[in-house]
Amino acid sequence: MKKSYDISELGDFANDLEKKINSLQGKHQVTEKQLFPDSWIAKYTKFKNWNEFASNAPWDGSFTDDSKKLEREKFVSENSNFKSWQDMINKASSDYVSRQISD
């Protein structure tokens, strides 16, 4: 037996959710602080915040510098719950979207 539900009360919620989802479409500039908030870094790495995580990397420069790929992959796998930088970015991005929708 199928149940039916009256979802008319969800109107404002559904409209708000749709606006949030639409605002996330396209390309966006997201800072490290937005992508990797302190609570996220503390949960998934051995560090308390992004600055501590990045400053402990064994090279100078950006995490996106592909010339440091092997060092970056080793650092990420040894100091986080992720096997690779891409895995870390994927999870952080997914969590970022979830935070934007739920706020």
C-alpha atoms as a PDB file:
ATOM      1  CA  MET A   1       0.000   0.000   0.000  1.00  0.00           C
ATOM      2  CA  LYS A   2       1.480   3.336  -1.061  1.00  0.00           C
ATOM      3  CA  LYS A   3       1.419   6.234   1.319  1.00  0.00           C
ATOM      4  CA  SER A   4       1.034   9.762   0.085  1.00  0.00           C
ATOM      5  CA  TYR A   5       2.351  12.844   1.811  1.00  0.00           C
ATOM      6  CA  ASP A   6       1.361  16.470   1.597  1.00  0.00           C
ATOM      7  CA  ILE A   7       4.565  18.325   0.779  1.00  0.00           C
ATOM      8  CA  SER A   8       2.940  21.728   0.314  1.00  0.00           C
ATOM      9  CA  GLU A   9       4.519  22.867   3.587  1.00  0.00           C
ATOM     10  CA  LEU A  10       7.926  22.302   2.044  1.00  0.00           C
ATOM     11  CA  GLY A  11       7.361  25.148  -0.416  1.00  0.00           C
ATOM     12  CA  ASP A  12       9.649  27.719   1.254  1.00  0.00           C
ATOM     13  CA  PHE A  13      12.226  25.093   2.123  1.00  0.00           C
ATOM     14  CA  ALA A  14      12.215  23.709  -1.423  1.00  0.00           C
ATOM     15  CA  ASN A  15      12.475  27.197  -2.930  1.00  0.00           C
ATOM     16  CA  ASP A  16      15.355  28.092  -0.623  1.00  0.00           C
ATOM     17  CA  LEU A  17      17.135  24.833  -1.430  1.00  0.00           C
ATOM     18  CA  GLU A  18      16.690  25.412  -5.152  1.00  0.00           C
ATOM     19  CA  LYS A  19      18.193  28.919  -4.843  1.00  0.00           C
ATOM     20  CA  LYS A  20      21.188  27.556  -2.930  1.00  0.00           C
ATOM     21  CA  ILE A  21      21.785  24.812  -5.481  1.00  0.00           C
ATOM     22  CA  ASN A  22      21.499  27.263  -8.375  1.00  0.00           C
ATOM     23  CA  SER A  23      23.988  29.614  -6.707  1.00  0.00           C
ATOM     24  CA  LEU A  24      26.570  26.807  -6.738  1.00  0.00           C
ATOM     25  CA  GLN A  25      26.376  26.210 -10.482  1.00  0.00           C
ATOM     26  CA  GLY A  26      29.255  27.378 -12.650  1.00  0.00           C
ATOM     27  CA  LYS A  27      32.801  28.197 -11.631  1.00  0.00           C
ATOM     28  CA  HIS A  28      33.564  29.708  -8.231  1.00  0.00           C
ATOM     29  CA  GLN A  29      36.652  30.950  -6.469  1.00  0.00           C
ATOM     30  CA  VAL A  30      36.858  29.207  -3.105  1.00  0.00           C
ATOM     31  CA  THR A  31      39.582  29.998  -0.587  1.00  0.00           C
ATOM     32  CA  GLU A  32      41.500  27.334   1.311  1.00  0.00           C
ATOM     33  CA  LYS A  33      39.744  28.532   4.475  1.00  0.00           C
ATOM     34  CA  GLN A  34      36.345  27.941   2.847  1.00  0.00           C
ATOM     35  CA  LEU A  35      37.289  24.571   1.375  1.00  0.00           C
ATOM     36  CA  PHE A  36      39.265  23.377   4.402  1.00  0.00           C
ATOM     37  CA  PRO A  37      37.752  24.941   7.536  1.00  0.00           C
ATOM     38  CA  ASP A  38      39.578  24.241  10.791  1.00  0.00           C
ATOM     39  CA  SER A  39      37.011  21.658  11.902  1.00  0.00           C
ATOM     40  CA  TRP A  40      37.427  19.780   8.597  1.00  0.00           C
ATOM     41  CA  ILE A  41      41.232  19.766   8.802  1.00  0.00           C
ATOM     42  CA  ALA A  42      41.106  18.626  12.440  1.00  0.00           C
ATOM     43  CA  LYS A  43      38.730  15.796  11.532  1.00  0.00           C
ATOM     44  CA  TYR A  44      40.563  14.458   8.461  1.00  0.00           C
ATOM     45  CA  THR A  45      44.244  15.288   9.083  1.00  0.00           C
ATOM     46  CA  LYS A  46      46.822  15.271  11.856  1.00  0.00           C
ATOM     47  CA  PHE A  47      46.648  19.055  12.070  1.00  0.00           C
ATOM     48  CA  LYS A  48      44.379  21.705  13.596  1.00  0.00           C
ATOM     49  CA  ASN A  49      43.968  24.035  10.613  1.00  0.00           C
ATOM     50  CA  TRP A  50      44.956  24.637   6.989  1.00  0.00           C
ATOM     51  CA  ASN A  51      47.919  26.874   7.868  1.00  0.00           C
ATOM     52  CA  GLU A  52      49.394  24.189  10.122  1.00  0.00           C
ATOM     53  CA  PHE A  53      48.759  21.500   7.503  1.00  0.00           C
ATOM     54  CA  ALA A  54      50.322  23.530   4.677  1.00  0.00           C
ATOM     55  CA  SER A  55      53.276  24.803   6.722  1.00  0.00           C
ATOM     56  CA  ASN A  56      54.227  21.223   7.621  1.00  0.00           C
ATOM     57  CA  ALA A  57      54.432  20.186   3.973  1.00  0.00           C
ATOM     58  CA  PRO A  58      58.047  19.343   3.127  1.00  0.00           C
ATOM     59  CA  TRP A  59      58.306  21.871   0.265  1.00  0.00           C
ATOM     60  CA  ASP A  60      57.840  25.572  -0.303  1.00  0.00           C
ATOM     61  CA  GLY A  61      55.033  26.697  -2.518  1.00  0.00           C
ATOM     62  CA  SER A  62      51.555  25.716  -3.503  1.00  0.00           C
ATOM     63  CA  PHE A  63      49.744  22.423  -3.071  1.00  0.00           C
ATOM     64  CA  THR A  64      48.657  22.768  -6.682  1.00  0.00           C
ATOM     65  CA  ASP A  65      52.243  22.849  -7.985  1.00  0.00           C
ATOM     66  CA  ASP A  66      52.427  19.675 -10.077  1.00  0.00           C
ATOM     67  CA  SER A  67      56.224  19.652  -9.917  1.00  0.00           C
ATOM     68  CA  LYS A  68      55.763  18.626  -6.266  1.00  0.00           C
ATOM     69  CA  LYS A  69      53.176  15.929  -7.014  1.00  0.00           C
ATOM     70  CA  LEU A  70      55.091  12.968  -5.540  1.00  0.00           C
ATOM     71  CA  GLU A  71      55.958  14.873  -2.363  1.00  0.00           C
ATOM     72  CA  ARG A  72      52.383  16.155  -2.110  1.00  0.00           C
ATOM     73  CA  GLU A  73      50.857  12.673  -2.521  1.00  0.00           C
ATOM     74  CA  LYS A  74      53.191  11.208   0.117  1.00  0.00           C
ATOM     75  CA  PHE A  75      52.502  14.049   2.548  1.00  0.00           C
ATOM     76  CA  VAL A  76      48.730  13.765   2.110  1.00  0.00           C
ATOM     77  CA  SER A  77      48.688   9.973   2.477  1.00  0.00           C
ATOM     78  CA  GLU A  78      50.886  10.087   5.592  1.00  0.00           C
ATOM     79  CA  ASN A  79      49.147  13.012   7.291  1.00  0.00           C
ATOM     80  CA  SER A  80      45.482  12.626   6.449  1.00  0.00           C
ATOM     81  CA  ASN A  81      42.739  10.060   5.989  1.00  0.00           C
ATOM     82  CA  PHE A  82      43.195  10.243   2.216  1.00  0.00           C
ATOM     83  CA  LYS A  83      45.286   8.235  -0.212  1.00  0.00           C
ATOM     84  CA  SER A  84      45.829  11.187  -2.544  1.00  0.00           C
ATOM     85  CA  TRP A  85      45.510  14.936  -2.929  1.00  0.00           C
ATOM     86  CA  GLN A  86      42.670  14.391  -5.409  1.00  0.00           C
ATOM     87  CA  ASP A  87      40.775  12.254  -2.880  1.00  0.00           C
ATOM     88  CA  MET A  88      41.228  15.026  -0.321  1.00  0.00           C
ATOM     89  CA  ILE A  89      40.029  17.699  -2.766  1.00  0.00           C
ATOM     90  CA  ASN A  90      37.019  15.584  -3.763  1.00  0.00           C
ATOM     91  CA  LYS A  91      35.896  15.097  -0.155  1.00  0.00           C
ATOM     92  CA  ALA A  92      36.525  18.733   0.768  1.00  0.00           C
ATOM     93  CA  SER A  93      34.563  19.895  -2.291  1.00  0.00           C
ATOM     94  CA  SER A  94      31.654  17.597  -1.509  1.00  0.00           C
ATOM     95  CA  ASP A  95      31.584  18.782   2.094  1.00  0.00           C
ATOM     96  CA  TYR A  96      31.831  22.421   0.978  1.00  0.00           C
ATOM     97  CA  VAL A  97      28.744  22.008  -1.228  1.00  0.00           C
ATOM     98  CA  SER A  98      26.887  20.308   1.617  1.00  0.00           C
ATOM     99  CA  ARG A  99      27.734  23.196   3.959  1.00  0.00           C
ATOM    100  CA  GLN A 100      26.537  25.750   1.402  1.00  0.00           C
ATOM    101  CA  ILE A 101      23.224  23.964   0.912  1.00  0.00           C
ATOM    102  CA  SER A 102      22.571  23.384   4.608  1.00  0.00           C
ATOM    103  CA  ASP A 103      23.359  26.935   5.774  1.00  0.00           C
END
